[in-house]
Amino acid sequence: GGGLAQPGGSLRLSCTVSGFTLYHYAV
């Protein structure tokens, strides 16, 4: 989700696990 944005703009980053569940994790 990273990239180039102008000041005042928006981006949404995503973090996805592979192999583990994040159920018990703080992220």
mmCIF file of all heavy atoms, coordinates in Angstrom:
data_MODEL
# 
_entry.id   MODEL 
# 
loop_
_atom_site.group_PDB 
_atom_site.id 
_atom_site.type_symbol 
_atom_site.label_atom_id 
_atom_site.label_alt_id 
_atom_site.label_comp_id 
_atom_site.label_asym_id 
_atom_site.label_entity_id 
_atom_site.label_seq_id 
_atom_site.pdbx_PDB_ins_code 
_atom_site.Cartn_x 
_atom_site.Cartn_y 
_atom_site.Cartn_z 
_atom_site.occupancy 
_atom_site.B_iso_or_equiv 
_atom_site.pdbx_formal_charge 
_atom_site.auth_seq_id 
_atom_site.auth_comp_id 
_atom_site.auth_asym_id 
_atom_site.auth_atom_id 
_atom_site.pdbx_PDB_model_num 
ATOM 1   N N   . GLY A 1 1  ? 0.776  -1.229  0.000  1.00 0.00 ? 1  GLY A N   1 
ATOM 2   C CA  . GLY A 1 1  ? 0.000  0.000   0.000  1.00 0.00 ? 1  GLY A CA  1 
ATOM 3   C C   . GLY A 1 1  ? 0.806  1.276   0.000  1.00 0.00 ? 1  GLY A C   1 
ATOM 4   O O   . GLY A 1 1  ? 0.230  2.362   -0.109 1.00 0.00 ? 1  GLY A O   1 
ATOM 5   N N   . GLY A 1 2  ? 2.112  1.163   0.128  1.00 0.00 ? 2  GLY A N   1 
ATOM 6   C CA  . GLY A 1 2  ? 2.929  2.348   0.096  1.00 0.00 ? 2  GLY A CA  1 
ATOM 7   C C   . GLY A 1 2  ? 2.989  2.941   -1.300 1.00 0.00 ? 2  GLY A C   1 
ATOM 8   O O   . GLY A 1 2  ? 2.545  2.350   -2.281 1.00 0.00 ? 2  GLY A O   1 
ATOM 9   N N   . GLY A 1 3  ? 3.532  4.110   -1.370 1.00 0.00 ? 3  GLY A N   1 
ATOM 10  C CA  . GLY A 1 3  ? 3.647  4.789   -2.643 1.00 0.00 ? 3  GLY A CA  1 
ATOM 11  C C   . GLY A 1 3  ? 3.844  6.273   -2.454 1.00 0.00 ? 3  GLY A C   1 
ATOM 12  O O   . GLY A 1 3  ? 4.277  6.733   -1.398 1.00 0.00 ? 3  GLY A O   1 
ATOM 13  N N   . LEU A 1 4  ? 3.510  7.004   -3.481 1.00 0.00 ? 4  LEU A N   1 
ATOM 14  C CA  . LEU A 1 4  ? 3.667  8.452   -3.494 1.00 0.00 ? 4  LEU A CA  1 
ATOM 15  C C   . LEU A 1 4  ? 2.324  9.122   -3.255 1.00 0.00 ? 4  LEU A C   1 
ATOM 16  O O   . LEU A 1 4  ? 1.327  8.783   -3.902 1.00 0.00 ? 4  LEU A O   1 
ATOM 17  C CB  . LEU A 1 4  ? 4.250  8.905   -4.832 1.00 0.00 ? 4  LEU A CB  1 
ATOM 18  C CG  . LEU A 1 4  ? 4.414  10.409  -5.050 1.00 0.00 ? 4  LEU A CG  1 
ATOM 19  C CD1 . LEU A 1 4  ? 5.427  10.985  -4.072 1.00 0.00 ? 4  LEU A CD1 1 
ATOM 20  C CD2 . LEU A 1 4  ? 4.832  10.692  -6.481 1.00 0.00 ? 4  LEU A CD2 1 
ATOM 21  N N   . ALA A 1 5  ? 2.311  10.051  -2.339 1.00 0.00 ? 5  ALA A N   1 
ATOM 22  C CA  . ALA A 1 5  ? 1.121  10.831  -2.057 1.00 0.00 ? 5  ALA A CA  1 
ATOM 23  C C   . ALA A 1 5  ? 1.492  12.293  -1.930 1.00 0.00 ? 5  ALA A C   1 
ATOM 24  O O   . ALA A 1 5  ? 2.615  12.638  -1.558 1.00 0.00 ? 5  ALA A O   1 
ATOM 25  C CB  . ALA A 1 5  ? 0.435  10.346  -0.782 1.00 0.00 ? 5  ALA A CB  1 
ATOM 26  N N   . GLN A 1 6  ? 0.553  13.143  -2.247 1.00 0.00 ? 6  GLN A N   1 
ATOM 27  C CA  . GLN A 1 6  ? 0.744  14.571  -2.058 1.00 0.00 ? 6  GLN A CA  1 
ATOM 28  C C   . GLN A 1 6  ? 0.419  14.958  -0.625 1.00 0.00 ? 6  GLN A C   1 
ATOM 29  O O   . GLN A 1 6  ? -0.337 14.270  0.059  1.00 0.00 ? 6  GLN A O   1 
ATOM 30  C CB  . GLN A 1 6  ? -0.138 15.360  -3.025 1.00 0.00 ? 6  GLN A CB  1 
ATOM 31  C CG  . GLN A 1 6  ? 0.233  15.193  -4.484 1.00 0.00 ? 6  GLN A CG  1 
ATOM 32  C CD  . GLN A 1 6  ? -0.579 16.087  -5.398 1.00 0.00 ? 6  GLN A CD  1 
ATOM 33  O OE1 . GLN A 1 6  ? -1.676 16.520  -5.032 1.00 0.00 ? 6  GLN A OE1 1 
ATOM 34  N NE2 . GLN A 1 6  ? -0.061 16.362  -6.575 1.00 0.00 ? 6  GLN A NE2 1 
ATOM 35  N N   . PRO A 1 7  ? 1.001  16.037  -0.143 1.00 0.00 ? 7  PRO A N   1 
ATOM 36  C CA  . PRO A 1 7  ? 0.616  16.516  1.181  1.00 0.00 ? 7  PRO A CA  1 
ATOM 37  C C   . PRO A 1 7  ? -0.892 16.693  1.278  1.00 0.00 ? 7  PRO A C   1 
ATOM 38  O O   . PRO A 1 7  ? -1.524 17.228  0.368  1.00 0.00 ? 7  PRO A O   1 
ATOM 39  C CB  . PRO A 1 7  ? 1.349  17.853  1.304  1.00 0.00 ? 7  PRO A CB  1 
ATOM 40  C CG  . PRO A 1 7  ? 2.539  17.692  0.423  1.00 0.00 ? 7  PRO A CG  1 
ATOM 41  C CD  . PRO A 1 7  ? 2.067  16.852  -0.739 1.00 0.00 ? 7  PRO A CD  1 
ATOM 42  N N   . GLY A 1 8  ? -1.448 16.215  2.365  1.00 0.00 ? 8  GLY A N   1 
ATOM 43  C CA  . GLY A 1 8  ? -2.887 16.227  2.541  1.00 0.00 ? 8  GLY A CA  1 
ATOM 44  C C   . GLY A 1 8  ? -3.595 15.008  1.994  1.00 0.00 ? 8  GLY A C   1 
ATOM 45  O O   . GLY A 1 8  ? -4.793 14.824  2.250  1.00 0.00 ? 8  GLY A O   1 
ATOM 46  N N   . GLY A 1 9  ? -2.876 14.179  1.268  1.00 0.00 ? 9  GLY A N   1 
ATOM 47  C CA  . GLY A 1 9  ? -3.457 12.987  0.697  1.00 0.00 ? 9  GLY A CA  1 
ATOM 48  C C   . GLY A 1 9  ? -3.516 11.838  1.675  1.00 0.00 ? 9  GLY A C   1 
ATOM 49  O O   . GLY A 1 9  ? -3.192 11.975  2.855  1.00 0.00 ? 9  GLY A O   1 
ATOM 50  N N   . SER A 1 10 ? -3.916 10.687  1.164  1.00 0.00 ? 10 SER A N   1 
ATOM 51  C CA  . SER A 1 10 ? -4.109 9.505   1.998  1.00 0.00 ? 10 SER A CA  1 
ATOM 52  C C   . SER A 1 10 ? -3.495 8.277   1.351  1.00 0.00 ? 10 SER A C   1 
ATOM 53  O O   . SER A 1 10 ? -3.416 8.168   0.131  1.00 0.00 ? 10 SER A O   1 
ATOM 54  C CB  . SER A 1 10 ? -5.604 9.240   2.226  1.00 0.00 ? 10 SER A CB  1 
ATOM 55  O OG  . SER A 1 10 ? -6.229 10.308  2.903  1.00 0.00 ? 10 SER A OG  1 
ATOM 56  N N   . LEU A 1 11 ? -3.071 7.371   2.189  1.00 0.00 ? 11 LEU A N   1 
ATOM 57  C CA  . LEU A 1 11 ? -2.644 6.049   1.788  1.00 0.00 ? 11 LEU A CA  1 
ATOM 58  C C   . LEU A 1 11 ? -3.129 5.063   2.834  1.00 0.00 ? 11 LEU A C   1 
ATOM 59  O O   . LEU A 1 11 ? -3.265 5.416   4.004  1.00 0.00 ? 11 LEU A O   1 
ATOM 60  C CB  . LEU A 1 11 ? -1.120 5.945   1.673  1.00 0.00 ? 11 LEU A CB  1 
ATOM 61  C CG  . LEU A 1 11 ? -0.434 6.648   0.509  1.00 0.00 ? 11 LEU A CG  1 
ATOM 62  C CD1 . LEU A 1 11 ? 1.081  6.604   0.703  1.00 0.00 ? 11 LEU A CD1 1 
ATOM 63  C CD2 . LEU A 1 11 ? -0.817 6.001   -0.818 1.00 0.00 ? 11 LEU A CD2 1 
ATOM 64  N N   . ARG A 1 12 ? -3.373 3.842   2.413  1.00 0.00 ? 12 ARG A N   1 
ATOM 65  C CA  . ARG A 1 12 ? -3.702 2.784   3.351  1.00 0.00 ? 12 ARG A CA  1 
ATOM 66  C C   . ARG A 1 12 ? -2.693 1.660   3.217  1.00 0.00 ? 12 ARG A C   1 
ATOM 67  O O   . ARG A 1 12 ? -2.563 1.040   2.154  1.00 0.00 ? 12 ARG A O   1 
ATOM 68  C CB  . ARG A 1 12 ? -5.117 2.238   3.136  1.00 0.00 ? 12 ARG A CB  1 
ATOM 69  C CG  . ARG A 1 12 ? -5.556 1.303   4.270  1.00 0.00 ? 12 ARG A CG  1 
ATOM 70  C CD  . ARG A 1 12 ? -6.933 0.709   4.073  1.00 0.00 ? 12 ARG A CD  1 
ATOM 71  N NE  . ARG A 1 12 ? -6.938 -0.366  3.083  1.00 0.00 ? 12 ARG A NE  1 
ATOM 72  C CZ  . ARG A 1 12 ? -7.895 -1.274  2.961  1.00 0.00 ? 12 ARG A CZ  1 
ATOM 73  N NH1 . ARG A 1 12 ? -8.951 -1.233  3.780  1.00 0.00 ? 12 ARG A NH1 1 
ATOM 74  N NH2 . ARG A 1 12 ? -7.829 -2.202  2.024  1.00 0.00 ? 12 ARG A NH2 1 
ATOM 75  N N   . LEU A 1 13 ? -1.994 1.407   4.297  1.00 0.00 ? 13 LEU A N   1 
ATOM 76  C CA  . LEU A 1 13 ? -1.039 0.326   4.342  1.00 0.00 ? 13 LEU A CA  1 
ATOM 77  C C   . LEU A 1 13 ? -1.698 -0.934  4.874  1.00 0.00 ? 13 LEU A C   1 
ATOM 78  O O   . LEU A 1 13 ? -2.586 -0.875  5.724  1.00 0.00 ? 13 LEU A O   1 
ATOM 79  C CB  . LEU A 1 13 ? 0.153  0.681   5.228  1.00 0.00 ? 13 LEU A CB  1 
ATOM 80  C CG  . LEU A 1 13 ? 0.881  1.990   4.918  1.00 0.00 ? 13 LEU A CG  1 
ATOM 81  C CD1 . LEU A 1 13 ? 2.092  2.137   5.837  1.00 0.00 ? 13 LEU A CD1 1 
ATOM 82  C CD2 . LEU A 1 13 ? 1.294  2.055   3.455  1.00 0.00 ? 13 LEU A CD2 1 
ATOM 83  N N   . SER A 1 14 ? -1.249 -2.064  4.375  1.00 0.00 ? 14 SER A N   1 
ATOM 84  C CA  . SER A 1 14 ? -1.736 -3.350  4.839  1.00 0.00 ? 14 SER A CA  1 
ATOM 85  C C   . SER A 1 14 ? -0.573 -4.195  5.311  1.00 0.00 ? 14 SER A C   1 
ATOM 86  O O   . SER A 1 14 ? 0.525  -4.135  4.745  1.00 0.00 ? 14 SER A O   1 
ATOM 87  C CB  . SER A 1 14 ? -2.478 -4.095  3.724  1.00 0.00 ? 14 SER A CB  1 
ATOM 88  O OG  . SER A 1 14 ? -3.607 -3.378  3.287  1.00 0.00 ? 14 SER A OG  1 
ATOM 89  N N   . CYS A 1 15 ? -0.816 -4.970  6.326  1.00 0.00 ? 15 CYS A N   1 
ATOM 90  C CA  . CYS A 1 15 ? 0.172  -5.903  6.872  1.00 0.00 ? 15 CYS A CA  1 
ATOM 91  C C   . CYS A 1 15 ? -0.501 -7.254  6.976  1.00 0.00 ? 15 CYS A C   1 
ATOM 92  O O   . CYS A 1 15 ? -1.477 -7.413  7.714  1.00 0.00 ? 15 CYS A O   1 
ATOM 93  C CB  . CYS A 1 15 ? 0.653  -5.416  8.238  1.00 0.00 ? 15 CYS A CB  1 
ATOM 94  S SG  . CYS A 1 15 ? 1.765  -6.554  9.102  1.00 0.00 ? 15 CYS A SG  1 
ATOM 95  N N   . THR A 1 16 ? 0.008  -8.211  6.244  1.00 0.00 ? 16 THR A N   1 
ATOM 96  C CA  . THR A 1 16 ? -0.597 -9.532  6.179  1.00 0.00 ? 16 THR A CA  1 
ATOM 97  C C   . THR A 1 16 ? 0.405  -10.580 6.608  1.00 0.00 ? 16 THR A C   1 
ATOM 98  O O   . THR A 1 16 ? 1.571  -10.540 6.211  1.00 0.00 ? 16 THR A O   1 
ATOM 99  C CB  . THR A 1 16 ? -1.098 -9.830  4.757  1.00 0.00 ? 16 THR A CB  1 
ATOM 100 O OG1 . THR A 1 16 ? -2.036 -8.832  4.350  1.00 0.00 ? 16 THR A OG1 1 
ATOM 101 C CG2 . THR A 1 16 ? -1.771 -11.187 4.696  1.00 0.00 ? 16 THR A CG2 1 
ATOM 102 N N   . VAL A 1 17 ? -0.055 -11.516 7.393  1.00 0.00 ? 17 VAL A N   1 
ATOM 103 C CA  . VAL A 1 17 ? 0.816  -12.569 7.891  1.00 0.00 ? 17 VAL A CA  1 
ATOM 104 C C   . VAL A 1 17 ? 0.840  -13.735 6.920  1.00 0.00 ? 17 VAL A C   1 
ATOM 105 O O   . VAL A 1 17 ? -0.131 -13.983 6.175  1.00 0.00 ? 17 VAL A O   1 
ATOM 106 C CB  . VAL A 1 17 ? 0.365  -13.038 9.292  1.00 0.00 ? 17 VAL A CB  1 
ATOM 107 C CG1 . VAL A 1 17 ? -0.938 -13.827 9.205  1.00 0.00 ? 17 VAL A CG1 1 
ATOM 108 C CG2 . VAL A 1 17 ? 1.448  -13.869 9.963  1.00 0.00 ? 17 VAL A CG2 1 
ATOM 109 N N   . SER A 1 18 ? 1.940  -14.422 6.915  1.00 0.00 ? 18 SER A N   1 
ATOM 110 C CA  . SER A 1 18 ? 2.086  -15.654 6.158  1.00 0.00 ? 18 SER A CA  1 
ATOM 111 C C   . SER A 1 18 ? 2.579  -16.732 7.101  1.00 0.00 ? 18 SER A C   1 
ATOM 112 O O   . SER A 1 18 ? 3.660  -16.599 7.679  1.00 0.00 ? 18 SER A O   1 
ATOM 113 C CB  . SER A 1 18 ? 3.063  -15.475 4.990  1.00 0.00 ? 18 SER A CB  1 
ATOM 114 O OG  . SER A 1 18 ? 3.271  -16.694 4.301  1.00 0.00 ? 18 SER A OG  1 
ATOM 115 N N   . GLY A 1 19 ? 1.776  -17.770 7.297  1.00 0.00 ? 19 GLY A N   1 
ATOM 116 C CA  . GLY A 1 19 ? 2.175  -18.907 8.110  1.00 0.00 ? 19 GLY A CA  1 
ATOM 117 C C   . GLY A 1 19 ? 1.724  -18.847 9.553  1.00 0.00 ? 19 GLY A C   1 
ATOM 118 O O   . GLY A 1 19 ? 1.660  -19.885 10.212 1.00 0.00 ? 19 GLY A O   1 
ATOM 119 N N   . PHE A 1 20 ? 1.433  -17.670 10.053 1.00 0.00 ? 20 PHE A N   1 
ATOM 120 C CA  . PHE A 1 20 ? 0.970  -17.486 11.422 1.00 0.00 ? 20 PHE A CA  1 
ATOM 121 C C   . PHE A 1 20 ? -0.363 -16.763 11.405 1.00 0.00 ? 20 PHE A C   1 
ATOM 122 O O   . PHE A 1 20 ? -0.661 -16.001 10.484 1.00 0.00 ? 20 PHE A O   1 
ATOM 123 C CB  . PHE A 1 20 ? 1.960  -16.653 12.250 1.00 0.00 ? 20 PHE A CB  1 
ATOM 124 C CG  . PHE A 1 20 ? 3.094  -17.414 12.863 1.00 0.00 ? 20 PHE A CG  1 
ATOM 125 C CD1 . PHE A 1 20 ? 4.108  -17.912 12.080 1.00 0.00 ? 20 PHE A CD1 1 
ATOM 126 C CD2 . PHE A 1 20 ? 3.141  -17.613 14.231 1.00 0.00 ? 20 PHE A CD2 1 
ATOM 127 C CE1 . PHE A 1 20 ? 5.167  -18.603 12.646 1.00 0.00 ? 20 PHE A CE1 1 
ATOM 128 C CE2 . PHE A 1 20 ? 4.199  -18.302 14.809 1.00 0.00 ? 20 PHE A CE2 1 
ATOM 129 C CZ  . PHE A 1 20 ? 5.213  -18.798 14.000 1.00 0.00 ? 20 PHE A CZ  1 
ATOM 130 N N   . THR A 1 21 ? -1.133 -16.996 12.447 1.00 0.00 ? 21 THR A N   1 
ATOM 131 C CA  . THR A 1 21 ? -2.275 -16.134 12.705 1.00 0.00 ? 21 THR A CA  1 
ATOM 132 C C   . THR A 1 21 ? -1.825 -15.011 13.624 1.00 0.00 ? 21 THR A C   1 
ATOM 133 O O   . THR A 1 21 ? -0.960 -15.195 14.474 1.00 0.00 ? 21 THR A O   1 
ATOM 134 C CB  . THR A 1 21 ? -3.439 -16.909 13.348 1.00 0.00 ? 21 THR A CB  1 
ATOM 135 O OG1 . THR A 1 21 ? -4.486 -16.001 13.689 1.00 0.00 ? 21 THR A OG1 1 
ATOM 136 C CG2 . THR A 1 21 ? -2.984 -17.652 14.601 1.00 0.00 ? 21 THR A CG2 1 
ATOM 137 N N   . LEU A 1 22 ? -2.413 -13.852 13.446 1.00 0.00 ? 22 LEU A N   1 
ATOM 138 C CA  . LEU A 1 22 ? -2.101 -12.709 14.287 1.00 0.00 ? 22 LEU A CA  1 
ATOM 139 C C   . LEU A 1 22 ? -3.062 -12.573 15.465 1.00 0.00 ? 22 LEU A C   1 
ATOM 140 O O   . LEU A 1 22 ? -3.040 -11.562 16.158 1.00 0.00 ? 22 LEU A O   1 
ATOM 141 C CB  . LEU A 1 22 ? -2.126 -11.428 13.451 1.00 0.00 ? 22 LEU A CB  1 
ATOM 142 C CG  . LEU A 1 22 ? -1.047 -11.306 12.372 1.00 0.00 ? 22 LEU A CG  1 
ATOM 143 C CD1 . LEU A 1 22 ? -1.244 -10.030 11.568 1.00 0.00 ? 22 LEU A CD1 1 
ATOM 144 C CD2 . LEU A 1 22 ? 0.340  -11.353 12.992 1.00 0.00 ? 22 LEU A CD2 1 
ATOM 145 N N   . TYR A 1 23 ? -3.852 -13.572 15.689 1.00 0.00 ? 23 TYR A N   1 
ATOM 146 C CA  . TYR A 1 23 ? -4.894 -13.513 16.705 1.00 0.00 ? 23 TYR A CA  1 
ATOM 147 C C   . TYR A 1 23 ? -4.365 -13.082 18.069 1.00 0.00 ? 23 TYR A C   1 
ATOM 148 O O   . TYR A 1 23 ? -4.957 -12.226 18.734 1.00 0.00 ? 23 TYR A O   1 
ATOM 149 C CB  . TYR A 1 23 ? -5.575 -14.870 16.815 1.00 0.00 ? 23 TYR A CB  1 
ATOM 150 C CG  . TYR A 1 23 ? -6.751 -14.923 17.764 1.00 0.00 ? 23 TYR A CG  1 
ATOM 151 C CD1 . TYR A 1 23 ? -8.004 -14.492 17.366 1.00 0.00 ? 23 TYR A CD1 1 
ATOM 152 C CD2 . TYR A 1 23 ? -6.592 -15.424 19.051 1.00 0.00 ? 23 TYR A CD2 1 
ATOM 153 C CE1 . TYR A 1 23 ? -9.083 -14.557 18.231 1.00 0.00 ? 23 TYR A CE1 1 
ATOM 154 C CE2 . TYR A 1 23 ? -7.664 -15.495 19.923 1.00 0.00 ? 23 TYR A CE2 1 
ATOM 155 C CZ  . TYR A 1 23 ? -8.911 -15.066 19.508 1.00 0.00 ? 23 TYR A CZ  1 
ATOM 156 O OH  . TYR A 1 23 ? -9.982 -15.129 20.367 1.00 0.00 ? 23 TYR A OH  1 
ATOM 157 N N   . HIS A 1 24 ? -3.262 -13.671 18.488 1.00 0.00 ? 24 HIS A N   1 
ATOM 158 C CA  . HIS A 1 24 ? -2.713 -13.393 19.814 1.00 0.00 ? 24 HIS A CA  1 
ATOM 159 C C   . HIS A 1 24 ? -1.648 -12.304 19.812 1.00 0.00 ? 24 HIS A C   1 
ATOM 160 O O   . HIS A 1 24 ? -1.099 -11.994 20.870 1.00 0.00 ? 24 HIS A O   1 
ATOM 161 C CB  . HIS A 1 24 ? -2.127 -14.667 20.420 1.00 0.00 ? 24 HIS A CB  1 
ATOM 162 C CG  . HIS A 1 24 ? -3.147 -15.693 20.795 1.00 0.00 ? 24 HIS A CG  1 
ATOM 163 N ND1 . HIS A 1 24 ? -3.995 -15.538 21.868 1.00 0.00 ? 24 HIS A ND1 1 
ATOM 164 C CD2 . HIS A 1 24 ? -3.469 -16.888 20.235 1.00 0.00 ? 24 HIS A CD2 1 
ATOM 165 C CE1 . HIS A 1 24 ? -4.792 -16.594 21.960 1.00 0.00 ? 24 HIS A CE1 1 
ATOM 166 N NE2 . HIS A 1 24 ? -4.488 -17.428 20.984 1.00 0.00 ? 24 HIS A NE2 1 
ATOM 167 N N   . TYR A 1 25 ? -1.374 -11.736 18.666 1.00 0.00 ? 25 TYR A N   1 
ATOM 168 C CA  . TYR A 1 25 ? -0.302 -10.759 18.536 1.00 0.00 ? 25 TYR A CA  1 
ATOM 169 C C   . TYR A 1 25 ? -0.823 -9.338  18.573 1.00 0.00 ? 25 TYR A C   1 
ATOM 170 O O   . TYR A 1 25 ? -1.861 -9.020  17.991 1.00 0.00 ? 25 TYR A O   1 
ATOM 171 C CB  . TYR A 1 25 ? 0.449  -10.949 17.215 1.00 0.00 ? 25 TYR A CB  1 
ATOM 172 C CG  . TYR A 1 25 ? 1.327  -12.171 17.139 1.00 0.00 ? 25 TYR A CG  1 
ATOM 173 C CD1 . TYR A 1 25 ? 0.792  -13.417 16.870 1.00 0.00 ? 25 TYR A CD1 1 
ATOM 174 C CD2 . TYR A 1 25 ? 2.703  -12.060 17.296 1.00 0.00 ? 25 TYR A CD2 1 
ATOM 175 C CE1 . TYR A 1 25 ? 1.602  -14.537 16.785 1.00 0.00 ? 25 TYR A CE1 1 
ATOM 176 C CE2 . TYR A 1 25 ? 3.524  -13.166 17.203 1.00 0.00 ? 25 TYR A CE2 1 
ATOM 177 C CZ  . TYR A 1 25 ? 2.969  -14.401 16.948 1.00 0.00 ? 25 TYR A CZ  1 
ATOM 178 O OH  . TYR A 1 25 ? 3.783  -15.504 16.851 1.00 0.00 ? 25 TYR A OH  1 
ATOM 179 N N   . ALA A 1 26 ? -0.087 -8.494  19.267 1.00 0.00 ? 26 ALA A N   1 
ATOM 180 C CA  . ALA A 1 26 ? -0.217 -7.069  19.032 1.00 0.00 ? 26 ALA A CA  1 
ATOM 181 C C   . ALA A 1 26 ? 0.608  -6.723  17.801 1.00 0.00 ? 26 ALA A C   1 
ATOM 182 O O   . ALA A 1 26 ? 1.702  -7.261  17.608 1.00 0.00 ? 26 ALA A O   1 
ATOM 183 C CB  . ALA A 1 26 ? 0.264  -6.271  20.240 1.00 0.00 ? 26 ALA A CB  1 
ATOM 184 N N   . VAL A 1 27 ? 0.090  -5.854  16.979 1.00 0.00 ? 27 VAL A N   1 
ATOM 185 C CA  . VAL A 1 27 ? 0.751  -5.506  15.727 1.00 0.00 ? 27 VAL A CA  1 
ATOM 186 C C   . VAL A 1 27 ? 0.987  -4.011  15.682 1.00 0.00 ? 27 VAL A C   1 
ATOM 187 O O   . VAL A 1 27 ? 0.056  -3.222  15.883 1.00 0.00 ? 27 VAL A O   1 
ATOM 188 C CB  . VAL A 1 27 ? -0.079 -5.953  14.516 1.00 0.00 ? 27 VAL A CB  1 
ATOM 189 C CG1 . VAL A 1 27 ? 0.635  -5.576  13.217 1.00 0.00 ? 27 VAL A CG1 1 
ATOM 190 C CG2 . VAL A 1 27 ? -0.327 -7.452  14.563 1.00 0.00 ? 27 VAL A CG2 1 
# 
